[in-house]
Amino acid sequence: MNSRRDKREELQSEARHQTIELVSNLVPFGNLAYKTFTAISKPLYIQRREEWIKDISLRLLRLEEQDKIKLEDLAGSDEFNTILIKASNLAQEHHQEEKINALKGIVINTSLDLSKDK
């Protein structure tokens, strides 16, 4: 149920931004106003994506600094890339921290498991 609501909120957020962009192109200096608006108020999905990428990147870099993983090896792993992409897509669809943290755990644990095998 929450997933439908989340999806609806995301679609509404995107629609608002598209409408504002369209209208802003019709008025003088409207494009500048739109860019200012989007710099202040990013669509939900962009905020979620940026937060996800930042957090996962920092966690993986920390593990590499601790010599627990090698990012170069993981970059070449089809299994890791598949899990990372799927988890990233799911994380953008949810606002619930519990679910997002579970997805982060899956990515981190997969990176550790694959690194142990090497």
N, C-alpha and C. Protein backbone atom coordinates (compact mmCIF):
# COMPACT_ATOMS: atom_id res chain seq x y z
N MET A 1 0.82 -1.20 0.00
CA MET A 1 0.00 0.00 0.00
C MET A 1 0.86 1.26 0.00
N ASN A 2 1.86 1.30 0.88
CA ASN A 2 2.72 2.47 0.93
C ASN A 2 3.45 2.66 -0.38
N SER A 3 3.75 1.56 -1.05
CA SER A 3 4.47 1.65 -2.31
C SER A 3 3.66 2.43 -3.35
N ARG A 4 2.38 2.20 -3.37
CA ARG A 4 1.52 2.93 -4.31
C ARG A 4 1.51 4.42 -3.97
N ARG A 5 1.42 4.72 -2.67
CA ARG A 5 1.42 6.11 -2.25
C ARG A 5 2.75 6.77 -2.58
N ASP A 6 3.85 6.05 -2.32
CA ASP A 6 5.18 6.58 -2.63
C ASP A 6 5.31 6.86 -4.11
N LYS A 7 4.85 5.92 -4.93
CA LYS A 7 4.93 6.08 -6.38
C LYS A 7 4.10 7.28 -6.83
N ARG A 8 2.91 7.42 -6.23
CA ARG A 8 2.03 8.54 -6.57
C ARG A 8 2.69 9.87 -6.20
N GLU A 9 3.30 9.93 -5.00
CA GLU A 9 3.99 11.15 -4.57
C GLU A 9 5.14 11.48 -5.51
N GLU A 10 5.87 10.45 -5.92
CA GLU A 10 6.99 10.66 -6.84
C GLU A 10 6.50 11.18 -8.18
N LEU A 11 5.44 10.58 -8.70
CA LEU A 11 4.88 11.02 -9.98
C LEU A 11 4.34 12.45 -9.88
N GLN A 12 3.70 12.77 -8.75
CA GLN A 12 3.20 14.13 -8.57
C GLN A 12 4.35 15.13 -8.50
N SER A 13 5.42 14.75 -7.82
CA SER A 13 6.59 15.61 -7.72
C SER A 13 7.18 15.87 -9.11
N GLU A 14 7.32 14.81 -9.90
CA GLU A 14 7.84 14.96 -11.26
C GLU A 14 6.91 15.82 -12.10
N ALA A 15 5.60 15.61 -11.97
CA ALA A 15 4.62 16.36 -12.76
C ALA A 15 4.67 17.85 -12.41
N ARG A 16 4.81 18.16 -11.11
CA ARG A 16 4.92 19.57 -10.71
C ARG A 16 6.13 20.22 -11.36
N HIS A 17 7.25 19.52 -11.32
CA HIS A 17 8.47 20.08 -11.90
C HIS A 17 8.34 20.25 -13.41
N GLN A 18 7.72 19.29 -14.08
CA GLN A 18 7.54 19.40 -15.53
C GLN A 18 6.60 20.55 -15.88
N THR A 19 5.55 20.72 -15.09
CA THR A 19 4.60 21.82 -15.32
C THR A 19 5.28 23.16 -15.12
N ILE A 20 6.03 23.28 -14.04
CA ILE A 20 6.73 24.53 -13.77
C ILE A 20 7.74 24.83 -14.87
N GLU A 21 8.44 23.80 -15.33
CA GLU A 21 9.41 24.00 -16.41
C GLU A 21 8.71 24.48 -17.68
N LEU A 22 7.60 23.85 -18.02
CA LEU A 22 6.86 24.23 -19.21
C LEU A 22 6.37 25.68 -19.13
N VAL A 23 5.77 26.03 -18.01
CA VAL A 23 5.25 27.39 -17.82
C VAL A 23 6.40 28.40 -17.81
N SER A 24 7.51 28.03 -17.18
CA SER A 24 8.63 28.97 -17.09
C SER A 24 9.23 29.30 -18.45
N ASN A 25 9.10 28.37 -19.40
CA ASN A 25 9.62 28.64 -20.74
C ASN A 25 8.75 29.63 -21.51
N LEU A 26 7.55 29.88 -21.03
CA LEU A 26 6.62 30.78 -21.72
C LEU A 26 6.78 32.24 -21.30
N VAL A 27 7.45 32.48 -20.19
CA VAL A 27 7.58 33.86 -19.70
C VAL A 27 9.04 34.30 -19.78
N PRO A 28 9.26 35.62 -19.95
CA PRO A 28 10.64 36.12 -19.98
C PRO A 28 11.37 35.79 -18.67
N PHE A 29 12.58 35.38 -18.78
CA PHE A 29 13.42 34.97 -17.65
C PHE A 29 12.84 33.78 -16.89
N GLY A 30 11.86 33.14 -17.48
CA GLY A 30 11.23 31.99 -16.83
C GLY A 30 12.18 30.83 -16.63
N ASN A 31 13.06 30.62 -17.60
CA ASN A 31 14.01 29.52 -17.49
C ASN A 31 14.94 29.73 -16.30
N LEU A 32 15.35 30.96 -16.09
CA LEU A 32 16.19 31.28 -14.94
C LEU A 32 15.43 31.02 -13.64
N ALA A 33 14.16 31.40 -13.62
CA ALA A 33 13.33 31.16 -12.43
C ALA A 33 13.19 29.67 -12.18
N TYR A 34 13.00 28.89 -13.25
CA TYR A 34 12.87 27.44 -13.09
C TYR A 34 14.15 26.83 -12.54
N LYS A 35 15.28 27.26 -13.08
CA LYS A 35 16.56 26.72 -12.59
C LYS A 35 16.77 27.06 -11.12
N THR A 36 16.37 28.26 -10.73
CA THR A 36 16.47 28.65 -9.33
C THR A 36 15.55 27.77 -8.48
N PHE A 37 14.33 27.56 -8.95
CA PHE A 37 13.37 26.72 -8.22
C PHE A 37 13.90 25.30 -8.06
N THR A 38 14.41 24.72 -9.14
CA THR A 38 14.89 23.33 -9.06
C THR A 38 16.15 23.21 -8.22
N ALA A 39 16.93 24.27 -8.17
CA ALA A 39 18.12 24.24 -7.31
C ALA A 39 17.71 24.21 -5.84
N ILE A 40 16.59 24.84 -5.54
CA ILE A 40 16.10 24.88 -4.16
C ILE A 40 15.28 23.65 -3.83
N SER A 41 14.44 23.25 -4.74
CA SER A 41 13.48 22.17 -4.48
C SER A 41 13.63 21.08 -5.52
N LYS A 42 14.45 20.10 -5.22
CA LYS A 42 14.65 18.99 -6.15
C LYS A 42 13.49 18.00 -6.05
N PRO A 43 13.16 17.36 -7.15
CA PRO A 43 12.14 16.31 -7.09
C PRO A 43 12.57 15.22 -6.11
N LEU A 44 11.58 14.58 -5.52
CA LEU A 44 11.82 13.55 -4.51
C LEU A 44 12.77 12.48 -4.99
N TYR A 45 12.56 11.97 -6.19
CA TYR A 45 13.37 10.86 -6.67
C TYR A 45 14.84 11.26 -6.83
N ILE A 46 15.10 12.51 -7.17
CA ILE A 46 16.48 12.97 -7.30
C ILE A 46 17.14 13.05 -5.93
N GLN A 47 16.40 13.57 -4.95
CA GLN A 47 16.94 13.64 -3.59
C GLN A 47 17.27 12.25 -3.07
N ARG A 48 16.34 11.32 -3.25
CA ARG A 48 16.57 9.95 -2.77
C ARG A 48 17.76 9.31 -3.47
N ARG A 49 17.86 9.51 -4.78
CA ARG A 49 18.97 8.93 -5.52
C ARG A 49 20.30 9.49 -5.04
N GLU A 50 20.37 10.80 -4.87
CA GLU A 50 21.62 11.42 -4.44
C GLU A 50 22.02 10.97 -3.04
N GLU A 51 21.05 10.88 -2.13
CA GLU A 51 21.34 10.41 -0.77
C GLU A 51 21.84 8.97 -0.80
N TRP A 52 21.19 8.13 -1.61
CA TRP A 52 21.57 6.73 -1.72
C TRP A 52 23.00 6.60 -2.25
N ILE A 53 23.29 7.27 -3.34
CA ILE A 53 24.61 7.17 -3.96
C ILE A 53 25.69 7.65 -3.00
N LYS A 54 25.44 8.76 -2.34
CA LYS A 54 26.42 9.31 -1.40
C LYS A 54 26.69 8.32 -0.27
N ASP A 55 25.64 7.79 0.33
CA ASP A 55 25.81 6.90 1.47
C ASP A 55 26.49 5.58 1.08
N ILE A 56 26.02 4.96 0.01
CA ILE A 56 26.62 3.69 -0.43
C ILE A 56 28.08 3.90 -0.82
N SER A 57 28.36 4.98 -1.51
CA SER A 57 29.74 5.27 -1.91
C SER A 57 30.65 5.42 -0.70
N LEU A 58 30.20 6.17 0.28
CA LEU A 58 31.01 6.36 1.49
C LEU A 58 31.25 5.05 2.23
N ARG A 59 30.21 4.23 2.32
CA ARG A 59 30.35 2.93 3.01
C ARG A 59 31.35 2.02 2.28
N LEU A 60 31.24 1.98 0.96
CA LEU A 60 32.14 1.14 0.18
C LEU A 60 33.58 1.66 0.24
N LEU A 61 33.74 2.97 0.19
CA LEU A 61 35.09 3.55 0.30
C LEU A 61 35.71 3.25 1.66
N ARG A 62 34.90 3.31 2.71
CA ARG A 62 35.39 2.97 4.05
C ARG A 62 35.88 1.53 4.11
N LEU A 63 35.10 0.63 3.51
CA LEU A 63 35.49 -0.79 3.49
C LEU A 63 36.78 -1.00 2.70
N GLU A 64 36.94 -0.25 1.62
CA GLU A 64 38.17 -0.37 0.84
C GLU A 64 39.36 0.17 1.64
N GLU A 65 39.17 1.26 2.34
CA GLU A 65 40.24 1.82 3.17
C GLU A 65 40.67 0.84 4.26
N GLN A 66 39.73 0.02 4.73
CA GLN A 66 40.01 -0.98 5.76
C GLN A 66 40.52 -2.29 5.14
N ASP A 67 40.77 -2.29 3.83
CA ASP A 67 41.23 -3.46 3.08
C ASP A 67 40.29 -4.66 3.19
N LYS A 68 39.00 -4.38 3.31
CA LYS A 68 38.01 -5.45 3.37
C LYS A 68 37.46 -5.78 1.99
N ILE A 69 37.51 -4.80 1.08
CA ILE A 69 37.04 -5.00 -0.29
C ILE A 69 37.98 -4.27 -1.25
N LYS A 70 37.88 -4.65 -2.52
CA LYS A 70 38.58 -3.92 -3.58
C LYS A 70 37.52 -3.47 -4.58
N LEU A 71 37.34 -2.16 -4.66
CA LEU A 71 36.31 -1.62 -5.55
C LEU A 71 36.55 -2.01 -7.00
N GLU A 72 37.80 -2.10 -7.38
CA GLU A 72 38.13 -2.49 -8.75
C GLU A 72 37.60 -3.89 -9.06
N ASP A 73 37.75 -4.81 -8.11
CA ASP A 73 37.24 -6.17 -8.31
C ASP A 73 35.71 -6.18 -8.37
N LEU A 74 35.09 -5.41 -7.47
CA LEU A 74 33.63 -5.36 -7.45
C LEU A 74 33.07 -4.74 -8.72
N ALA A 75 33.77 -3.76 -9.27
CA ALA A 75 33.31 -3.12 -10.50
C ALA A 75 33.23 -4.12 -11.65
N GLY A 76 34.05 -5.15 -11.60
CA GLY A 76 34.04 -6.16 -12.65
C GLY A 76 33.14 -7.34 -12.36
N SER A 77 32.44 -7.31 -11.24
CA SER A 77 31.58 -8.42 -10.84
C SER A 77 30.15 -8.20 -11.33
N ASP A 78 29.69 -9.10 -12.19
CA ASP A 78 28.30 -9.01 -12.67
C ASP A 78 27.32 -9.14 -11.52
N GLU A 79 27.61 -10.05 -10.59
CA GLU A 79 26.71 -10.27 -9.46
C GLU A 79 26.57 -9.00 -8.61
N PHE A 80 27.70 -8.39 -8.28
CA PHE A 80 27.66 -7.17 -7.47
C PHE A 80 26.93 -6.05 -8.20
N ASN A 81 27.23 -5.87 -9.47
CA ASN A 81 26.59 -4.80 -10.24
C ASN A 81 25.08 -5.00 -10.35
N THR A 82 24.65 -6.24 -10.53
CA THR A 82 23.22 -6.53 -10.59
C THR A 82 22.54 -6.17 -9.28
N ILE A 83 23.14 -6.60 -8.17
CA ILE A 83 22.57 -6.32 -6.85
C ILE A 83 22.57 -4.83 -6.57
N LEU A 84 23.66 -4.16 -6.89
CA LEU A 84 23.75 -2.71 -6.66
C LEU A 84 22.68 -1.95 -7.45
N ILE A 85 22.50 -2.31 -8.70
CA ILE A 85 21.51 -1.62 -9.55
C ILE A 85 20.09 -1.87 -9.04
N LYS A 86 19.79 -3.14 -8.72
CA LYS A 86 18.43 -3.45 -8.24
C LYS A 86 18.15 -2.78 -6.90
N ALA A 87 19.12 -2.82 -5.99
CA ALA A 87 18.95 -2.18 -4.68
C ALA A 87 18.80 -0.67 -4.84
N SER A 88 19.56 -0.09 -5.74
CA SER A 88 19.49 1.36 -5.98
C SER A 88 18.11 1.76 -6.51
N ASN A 89 17.60 0.99 -7.44
CA ASN A 89 16.27 1.28 -7.98
C ASN A 89 15.19 1.17 -6.91
N LEU A 90 15.27 0.12 -6.09
CA LEU A 90 14.29 -0.05 -5.02
C LEU A 90 14.40 1.05 -3.97
N ALA A 91 15.61 1.45 -3.65
CA ALA A 91 15.81 2.49 -2.63
C ALA A 91 15.18 3.81 -3.04
N GLN A 92 15.17 4.11 -4.32
CA GLN A 92 14.58 5.36 -4.81
C GLN A 92 13.06 5.34 -4.70
N GLU A 93 12.48 4.16 -4.61
CA GLU A 93 11.03 4.04 -4.55
C GLU A 93 10.49 4.12 -3.13
N HIS A 94 11.37 4.08 -2.13
CA HIS A 94 10.90 4.02 -0.74
C HIS A 94 11.37 5.21 0.07
N HIS A 95 10.53 5.60 1.01
CA HIS A 95 10.92 6.65 1.94
C HIS A 95 11.20 6.06 3.32
N GLN A 96 10.84 4.79 3.52
CA GLN A 96 11.00 4.16 4.83
C GLN A 96 12.46 3.81 5.08
N GLU A 97 13.01 4.39 6.13
CA GLU A 97 14.42 4.19 6.47
C GLU A 97 14.74 2.71 6.69
N GLU A 98 13.82 1.99 7.29
CA GLU A 98 14.05 0.57 7.57
C GLU A 98 14.31 -0.21 6.28
N LYS A 99 13.53 0.04 5.26
CA LYS A 99 13.70 -0.65 3.98
C LYS A 99 14.99 -0.20 3.29
N ILE A 100 15.26 1.09 3.34
CA ILE A 100 16.47 1.61 2.71
C ILE A 100 17.71 1.04 3.39
N ASN A 101 17.68 0.97 4.72
CA ASN A 101 18.81 0.40 5.45
C ASN A 101 19.00 -1.08 5.14
N ALA A 102 17.90 -1.80 4.96
CA ALA A 102 17.99 -3.22 4.59
C ALA A 102 18.66 -3.36 3.22
N LEU A 103 18.30 -2.50 2.29
CA LEU A 103 18.91 -2.53 0.96
C LEU A 103 20.40 -2.19 1.02
N LYS A 104 20.75 -1.23 1.87
CA LYS A 104 22.17 -0.89 2.05
C LYS A 104 22.92 -2.10 2.60
N GLY A 105 22.30 -2.78 3.56
CA GLY A 105 22.91 -3.97 4.13
C GLY A 105 23.16 -5.05 3.09
N ILE A 106 22.21 -5.21 2.19
CA ILE A 106 22.37 -6.21 1.12
C ILE A 106 23.57 -5.87 0.25
N VAL A 107 23.70 -4.62 -0.13
CA VAL A 107 24.82 -4.20 -0.98
C VAL A 107 26.15 -4.39 -0.25
N ILE A 108 26.22 -3.94 0.99
CA ILE A 108 27.46 -4.04 1.76
C ILE A 108 27.83 -5.49 2.01
N ASN A 109 26.86 -6.30 2.44
CA ASN A 109 27.15 -7.71 2.71
C ASN A 109 27.57 -8.45 1.44
N THR A 110 26.96 -8.12 0.33
CA THR A 110 27.36 -8.73 -0.94
C THR A 110 28.79 -8.36 -1.28
N SER A 111 29.14 -7.10 -1.08
CA SER A 111 30.52 -6.67 -1.38
C SER A 111 31.51 -7.43 -0.51
N LEU A 112 31.17 -7.62 0.76
CA LEU A 112 32.07 -8.34 1.67
C LEU A 112 32.16 -9.82 1.29
N ASP A 113 31.02 -10.43 0.99
CA ASP A 113 31.01 -11.85 0.62
C ASP A 113 31.80 -12.10 -0.65
N LEU A 114 31.62 -11.26 -1.64
CA LEU A 114 32.34 -11.45 -2.91
C LEU A 114 33.84 -11.21 -2.73
N SER A 115 34.20 -10.31 -1.83
CA SER A 115 35.62 -10.03 -1.58
C SER A 115 36.29 -11.16 -0.82
N LYS A 116 35.53 -11.87 0.01
CA LYS A 116 36.09 -13.03 0.74
C LYS A 116 36.44 -14.15 -0.22
N ASP A 117 35.66 -14.27 -1.28
CA ASP A 117 35.88 -15.34 -2.25
C ASP A 117 37.15 -15.14 -3.05
N LYS A 118 37.69 -13.94 -3.07
CA LYS A 118 38.88 -13.65 -3.89
C LYS A 118 40.15 -13.96 -3.15
